[in-house]
N, C-alpha and C. Protein backbone atom coordinates (compact mmCIF):
# COMPACT_ATOMS: atom_id res chain seq x y z
N UNK A 1 -0.63 8.99 -12.03
CA UNK A 1 -0.89 10.08 -11.08
C UNK A 1 0.49 10.61 -10.68
N UNK A 2 0.55 11.84 -10.74
CA UNK A 2 1.83 12.61 -10.41
C UNK A 2 2.15 12.50 -8.87
N UNK A 3 3.35 12.03 -8.49
CA UNK A 3 3.70 12.00 -7.06
C UNK A 3 3.58 13.38 -6.49
N UNK A 4 3.15 13.39 -5.24
CA UNK A 4 2.90 14.53 -4.45
C UNK A 4 1.87 15.58 -4.98
N UNK A 5 1.07 15.11 -5.94
CA UNK A 5 -0.07 15.88 -6.33
C UNK A 5 -1.27 15.83 -5.36
N UNK A 6 -2.22 16.60 -5.44
CA UNK A 6 -3.35 16.48 -4.63
C UNK A 6 -4.13 15.18 -4.81
N UNK A 7 -4.35 14.72 -5.97
CA UNK A 7 -4.96 13.34 -6.09
C UNK A 7 -4.12 12.23 -5.46
N UNK A 8 -2.76 12.39 -5.62
CA UNK A 8 -1.86 11.35 -4.99
C UNK A 8 -2.06 11.35 -3.56
N UNK A 9 -2.16 12.54 -2.84
CA UNK A 9 -2.30 12.51 -1.40
C UNK A 9 -3.68 12.13 -1.01
N UNK A 10 -4.71 12.46 -1.80
CA UNK A 10 -6.13 11.98 -1.51
C UNK A 10 -6.09 10.49 -1.43
N UNK A 11 -5.64 9.81 -2.44
CA UNK A 11 -5.55 8.33 -2.51
C UNK A 11 -4.88 7.83 -1.41
N UNK A 12 -3.69 8.48 -1.04
CA UNK A 12 -2.88 7.89 0.07
C UNK A 12 -3.64 8.07 1.48
N UNK A 13 -4.34 9.24 1.62
CA UNK A 13 -5.24 9.36 2.79
C UNK A 13 -6.22 8.25 2.84
N UNK A 14 -6.88 7.96 1.82
CA UNK A 14 -7.88 6.90 1.75
C UNK A 14 -7.33 5.57 2.10
N UNK A 15 -6.13 5.22 1.53
CA UNK A 15 -5.48 3.99 1.79
C UNK A 15 -5.19 3.87 3.21
N UNK A 16 -4.59 4.91 3.87
CA UNK A 16 -4.12 4.95 5.13
C UNK A 16 -5.30 4.80 6.12
N UNK A 17 -6.40 5.48 5.80
CA UNK A 17 -7.61 5.33 6.69
C UNK A 17 -8.12 3.91 6.65
N UNK A 18 -8.21 3.35 5.45
CA UNK A 18 -8.68 1.94 5.31
C UNK A 18 -7.80 0.94 6.00
N UNK A 19 -6.44 1.19 5.89
CA UNK A 19 -5.50 0.18 6.33
C UNK A 19 -5.59 0.28 7.94
N UNK A 20 -5.78 1.38 8.50
CA UNK A 20 -5.84 1.58 9.93
C UNK A 20 -7.15 1.69 10.58
N UNK A 21 -8.25 1.24 9.94
CA UNK A 21 -9.56 1.50 10.42
C UNK A 21 -9.88 0.75 11.72
N UNK A 22 -9.08 -0.19 12.05
CA UNK A 22 -9.27 -1.00 13.36
C UNK A 22 -8.53 -0.33 14.58
N UNK A 23 -7.73 0.61 14.28
CA UNK A 23 -6.85 1.31 15.20
C UNK A 23 -7.31 2.74 15.37
N UNK A 24 -7.52 3.44 14.33
CA UNK A 24 -7.86 4.86 14.35
C UNK A 24 -9.25 5.26 13.81
N UNK A 25 -9.80 6.38 14.32
CA UNK A 25 -10.92 6.86 13.62
C UNK A 25 -10.38 7.57 12.36
N UNK A 26 -11.34 7.91 11.50
CA UNK A 26 -10.92 8.49 10.16
C UNK A 26 -10.11 9.77 10.48
N UNK A 27 -10.48 10.69 11.40
CA UNK A 27 -9.72 11.87 11.71
C UNK A 27 -8.41 11.50 12.30
N UNK A 28 -8.36 10.66 13.18
CA UNK A 28 -7.05 10.23 13.70
C UNK A 28 -5.98 9.67 12.80
N UNK A 29 -6.58 8.88 11.84
CA UNK A 29 -5.79 8.27 10.78
C UNK A 29 -5.19 9.49 9.94
N UNK A 30 -6.06 10.32 9.55
CA UNK A 30 -5.73 11.45 8.65
C UNK A 30 -4.64 12.36 9.33
N UNK A 31 -4.86 12.60 10.53
CA UNK A 31 -3.82 13.36 11.36
C UNK A 31 -2.59 12.69 11.43
N UNK A 32 -2.53 11.46 11.67
CA UNK A 32 -1.29 10.55 11.74
C UNK A 32 -0.57 10.72 10.46
N UNK A 33 -1.29 10.40 9.26
CA UNK A 33 -0.71 10.43 7.99
C UNK A 33 -0.09 11.78 7.72
N UNK A 34 -0.92 12.87 7.95
CA UNK A 34 -0.50 14.30 7.69
C UNK A 34 0.82 14.61 8.34
N UNK A 35 0.82 14.28 9.71
CA UNK A 35 2.00 14.56 10.41
C UNK A 35 3.26 13.81 9.98
N UNK A 36 3.00 12.60 9.57
CA UNK A 36 4.11 11.81 9.13
C UNK A 36 4.68 12.36 7.85
N UNK A 37 3.86 12.79 6.89
CA UNK A 37 4.27 13.31 5.63
C UNK A 37 4.97 14.70 5.80
N UNK A 38 4.38 15.50 6.62
CA UNK A 38 4.97 16.82 6.70
C UNK A 38 6.39 16.70 7.41
N UNK A 39 6.48 15.86 8.38
CA UNK A 39 7.74 15.53 9.02
C UNK A 39 8.79 15.10 8.05
N UNK A 40 8.36 14.14 7.24
CA UNK A 40 9.36 13.70 6.19
C UNK A 40 9.78 14.78 5.24
N UNK A 41 8.76 15.62 4.88
CA UNK A 41 9.16 16.71 3.96
C UNK A 41 10.14 17.72 4.54
N UNK A 42 9.88 17.99 5.87
CA UNK A 42 10.67 18.93 6.58
C UNK A 42 12.15 18.38 6.56
N UNK A 43 12.35 17.10 6.78
CA UNK A 43 13.70 16.53 7.06
C UNK A 43 14.27 16.07 5.68
N UNK A 44 13.50 16.12 4.58
CA UNK A 44 13.98 15.78 3.27
C UNK A 44 14.98 16.82 2.75
N UNK A 45 15.96 16.42 2.07
CA UNK A 45 16.96 17.51 1.60
C UNK A 45 16.53 18.06 0.28
N UNK A 46 15.42 18.65 0.12
CA UNK A 46 14.90 19.28 -1.02
C UNK A 46 15.65 20.49 -1.27
N UNK A 47 16.08 20.77 -2.41
CA UNK A 47 16.87 21.98 -2.68
C UNK A 47 16.01 23.18 -2.92
N UNK A 48 14.67 23.02 -3.27
CA UNK A 48 13.89 24.14 -3.57
C UNK A 48 12.88 24.31 -2.57
N UNK A 49 12.77 25.43 -1.88
CA UNK A 49 11.73 25.69 -1.02
C UNK A 49 10.40 25.74 -1.64
N UNK A 50 10.26 26.15 -2.89
CA UNK A 50 8.98 26.26 -3.63
C UNK A 50 8.41 24.84 -3.72
N UNK A 51 9.20 23.84 -3.90
CA UNK A 51 8.74 22.40 -4.06
C UNK A 51 8.17 21.96 -2.67
N UNK A 52 8.79 22.32 -1.60
CA UNK A 52 8.14 21.93 -0.32
C UNK A 52 6.84 22.61 -0.19
N UNK A 53 6.68 23.89 -0.49
CA UNK A 53 5.42 24.59 -0.37
C UNK A 53 4.48 23.98 -1.31
N UNK A 54 4.74 23.61 -2.44
CA UNK A 54 3.75 22.98 -3.41
C UNK A 54 3.28 21.65 -2.80
N UNK A 55 4.20 20.81 -2.33
CA UNK A 55 3.79 19.64 -1.70
C UNK A 55 2.88 19.78 -0.56
N UNK A 56 3.18 20.67 0.29
CA UNK A 56 2.47 20.95 1.43
C UNK A 56 1.08 21.47 1.05
N UNK A 57 0.96 22.28 0.19
CA UNK A 57 -0.35 22.88 -0.34
C UNK A 57 -1.18 21.69 -0.87
N UNK A 58 -0.62 20.82 -1.69
CA UNK A 58 -1.31 19.70 -2.23
C UNK A 58 -1.71 18.77 -1.01
N UNK A 59 -0.83 18.56 -0.17
CA UNK A 59 -1.29 17.60 1.04
C UNK A 59 -2.48 18.32 1.77
N UNK A 60 -2.36 19.62 1.97
CA UNK A 60 -3.47 20.37 2.68
C UNK A 60 -4.80 20.25 1.95
N UNK A 61 -4.69 20.37 0.63
CA UNK A 61 -5.94 20.31 -0.22
C UNK A 61 -6.57 18.94 -0.17
N UNK A 62 -5.64 17.93 -0.15
CA UNK A 62 -6.13 16.54 -0.13
C UNK A 62 -6.82 16.30 1.25
N UNK A 63 -6.12 16.75 2.30
CA UNK A 63 -6.62 16.57 3.63
C UNK A 63 -8.13 17.16 3.72
N UNK A 64 -8.27 18.41 3.24
CA UNK A 64 -9.66 18.96 3.30
C UNK A 64 -10.70 18.18 2.50
N UNK A 65 -10.22 17.78 1.24
CA UNK A 65 -11.14 16.93 0.42
C UNK A 65 -11.59 15.64 1.07
N UNK A 66 -10.62 14.93 1.61
CA UNK A 66 -10.95 13.55 2.11
C UNK A 66 -11.78 13.74 3.44
N UNK A 67 -11.33 14.75 4.25
CA UNK A 67 -11.99 15.02 5.56
C UNK A 67 -13.50 15.26 5.31
N UNK A 68 -13.89 15.86 4.18
CA UNK A 68 -15.20 16.26 3.92
C UNK A 68 -16.05 15.07 3.38
N UNK A 69 -15.44 14.05 2.87
CA UNK A 69 -16.06 12.82 2.33
C UNK A 69 -16.86 12.08 3.46
N UNK A 70 -18.02 11.58 2.95
CA UNK A 70 -18.70 10.67 3.87
C UNK A 70 -17.81 9.41 4.02
N UNK A 71 -17.71 8.95 5.34
CA UNK A 71 -16.86 7.78 5.52
C UNK A 71 -17.59 6.48 4.97
N UNK A 72 -16.85 5.72 4.33
CA UNK A 72 -17.38 4.40 3.84
C UNK A 72 -16.87 3.27 4.72
N UNK A 73 -16.13 3.62 5.77
CA UNK A 73 -15.52 2.64 6.61
C UNK A 73 -16.41 2.30 7.81
């Protein structure tokens, strides 16, 4: 699986939700993960703005997909 691809982020969302199921609701966990990833991307020293945009688009697509899934937790 390619790092920072949509499937990569989808799997990370699912893992984060599962790992934090005793602390957060699904939406709270997703929002926490999303904010954390975006913050790290903003402060990362990436040289190409297009790479940041690609990663954020993939993260956003993964967020929408996982949010719409029926919760198994």
